[in-house]
Amino acid sequence: MKPLRRNALAVAIGAALVSACAVGPDYRRPEVAVAAGYKEAADWQPTEPGDTLERGPWWRIFADPQLDALEARVDVSNQNVKAALAAYDQSRAFLAESKAAFWPSLGVTASRDRGAVGTAPTRTTYSVGASAAWELDVWGQIRRNVEASAASAQASAAALAGARLSAQATLASDYFLLRAQDELQRLLDDIVAAEQRSLQITESRYRQGVAAKADVVSARAQLLSSQSQQVNAGIQRAILEHAIAVLVGEPPAGFAIERTAMRGDVPTVPAGVPSTLLERRPDVAEAERRMAAANAQIGVATSAYFPSLTLSASDGYTGPTFGKLFEVPNRVWSVGPALAETLFDAGLRRAQVAAARAGYDGSVATYRQTVLGALQQVEDQLASLRILEKQAVIEDAAVKAAVEAEALTLNQYKAGTVPYSSVITAQTTRLASEESALTVLSDRLQSSIALIEALGGGWNASSGL
């Protein structure tokens, strides 16, 4: 036995030395051309340069305690995030499964057989034994499999971060849209109250004989139109409230958000430089890790061209009597290496390598497209914020002018110098101006949230993977 054991040990050591080399290309992240800065941020002078974007709870930049409380529930209760977490756990299990191939497999057997051959008398045979098999990773197939599984697990971690960020951004977006609906409701309440006063004034003037019946009818029609908008404003708020309930994992029937004032400013989000997107965007990191996994699969496919080397050993006892089974004459053992090589496969391995290379090329294109898309999203939101900020200044001035014009026109009507149609026109202009200003403010908040999402929130590849 000693020469056999020495030979087996020599084979194992030789295989271990050879296995320092793995076939297939080593992974290197492809270059992606990115500019030194964002074009749309060149002429933008933020109004609040002191704001910062926190890593992690990025929504705190909006300084809204109720939003903070809702966002904290996304990780715990959002079902899409839970599904992404389960996918990540599954990928980790696949990684552990791949690593298990590095180790030998061990097994034991025990049996009692009773039978006969031809006319020979019936015999009972007892046997017990143990076996071991170890496929040596000579060509790096197992290591490439582990490399692919590890990259896939990291991609799943990035996908989990992406799902979490998407749910958080959607929640913040819906929350501020709901607050915009609250503000619109307040605005319409004020408009209805003002028009009710105008109707009372018109009715009083009609009773005094200084106003026509048509003025009263026009004032009442204007009031009814505004009241209709006032009632209709509740529909969109209800829809948004239901959407938020689902995002935090609650049935809409038992969920409610109290009305409160909407913030009147928009925090500044620092965009940084384009190259940081490669580390700050979960979807970019996921695409990059998928690319690394695809590269490792080329090595797995290439290793099929080379013979596999397996070390196996078995030791056991076989005999007709269980009481004397464990005696030397009943012992059966074996140990030694085995080589296996496929000589003809009709082009199967060549096709598998070609498929793996094509898969890698596709993942490279997907990665580069993801980076380009990320850069576009940031540029889009920077342009939106820059332009909307200028528009907001104009809209605020328009609201002030419309409110002043309404007051002047109403006083002129009381004095009898203008018809009531001028009051209706002034009131309609004021409502349109205030709604437009509210829309711009809401759009600015939405663009701010979208920019944070485009920048990856507070996530970073160094911590997320």
Foldseek 3Di string as FASTA:
>chain_A
DVVQVVVFVVVVVVLVVLLVAADFDADDFDDFDFDFAFPLCPPFDDPCVVQEQAFPPRVCSVVDVVLVVLLVLLCVAAPLLVVLVVVLVVLVVQLVVLVVLQDKDKDKDWDWDWDDDDPDDIFIKTKIKMKIKHWRNNRCLSVLSSQLSVLLSLLSLLVSLLSSLVLSLLLLLLVLVLLLLLVLLVVLVVLLVVLVVVLVLQVVCVVVVLADPVLNVVSVVLNVVSVVVNVVSVPSNLVSQCVSCNSSNHHSVPGDDDHDHHDDDARDYDQRTLVQLCWQASNLSSLSSNLSSLSSQLSNLVCLQAKIKMKMKMKMFMDRDPVCGPDPVRIDMDTDMDIDHDDDDPCPSVVSSVVSVVSSVVSSVVSNVVSVVLSVLLNVLSNLLRVLVVVLVVLVVQLVVLVVQLVVVSVCVSVVNDHSVSNSVSSVSNSVSVSVSSVSSSSNNSSSSSNCNSRNRSGTSVPSD
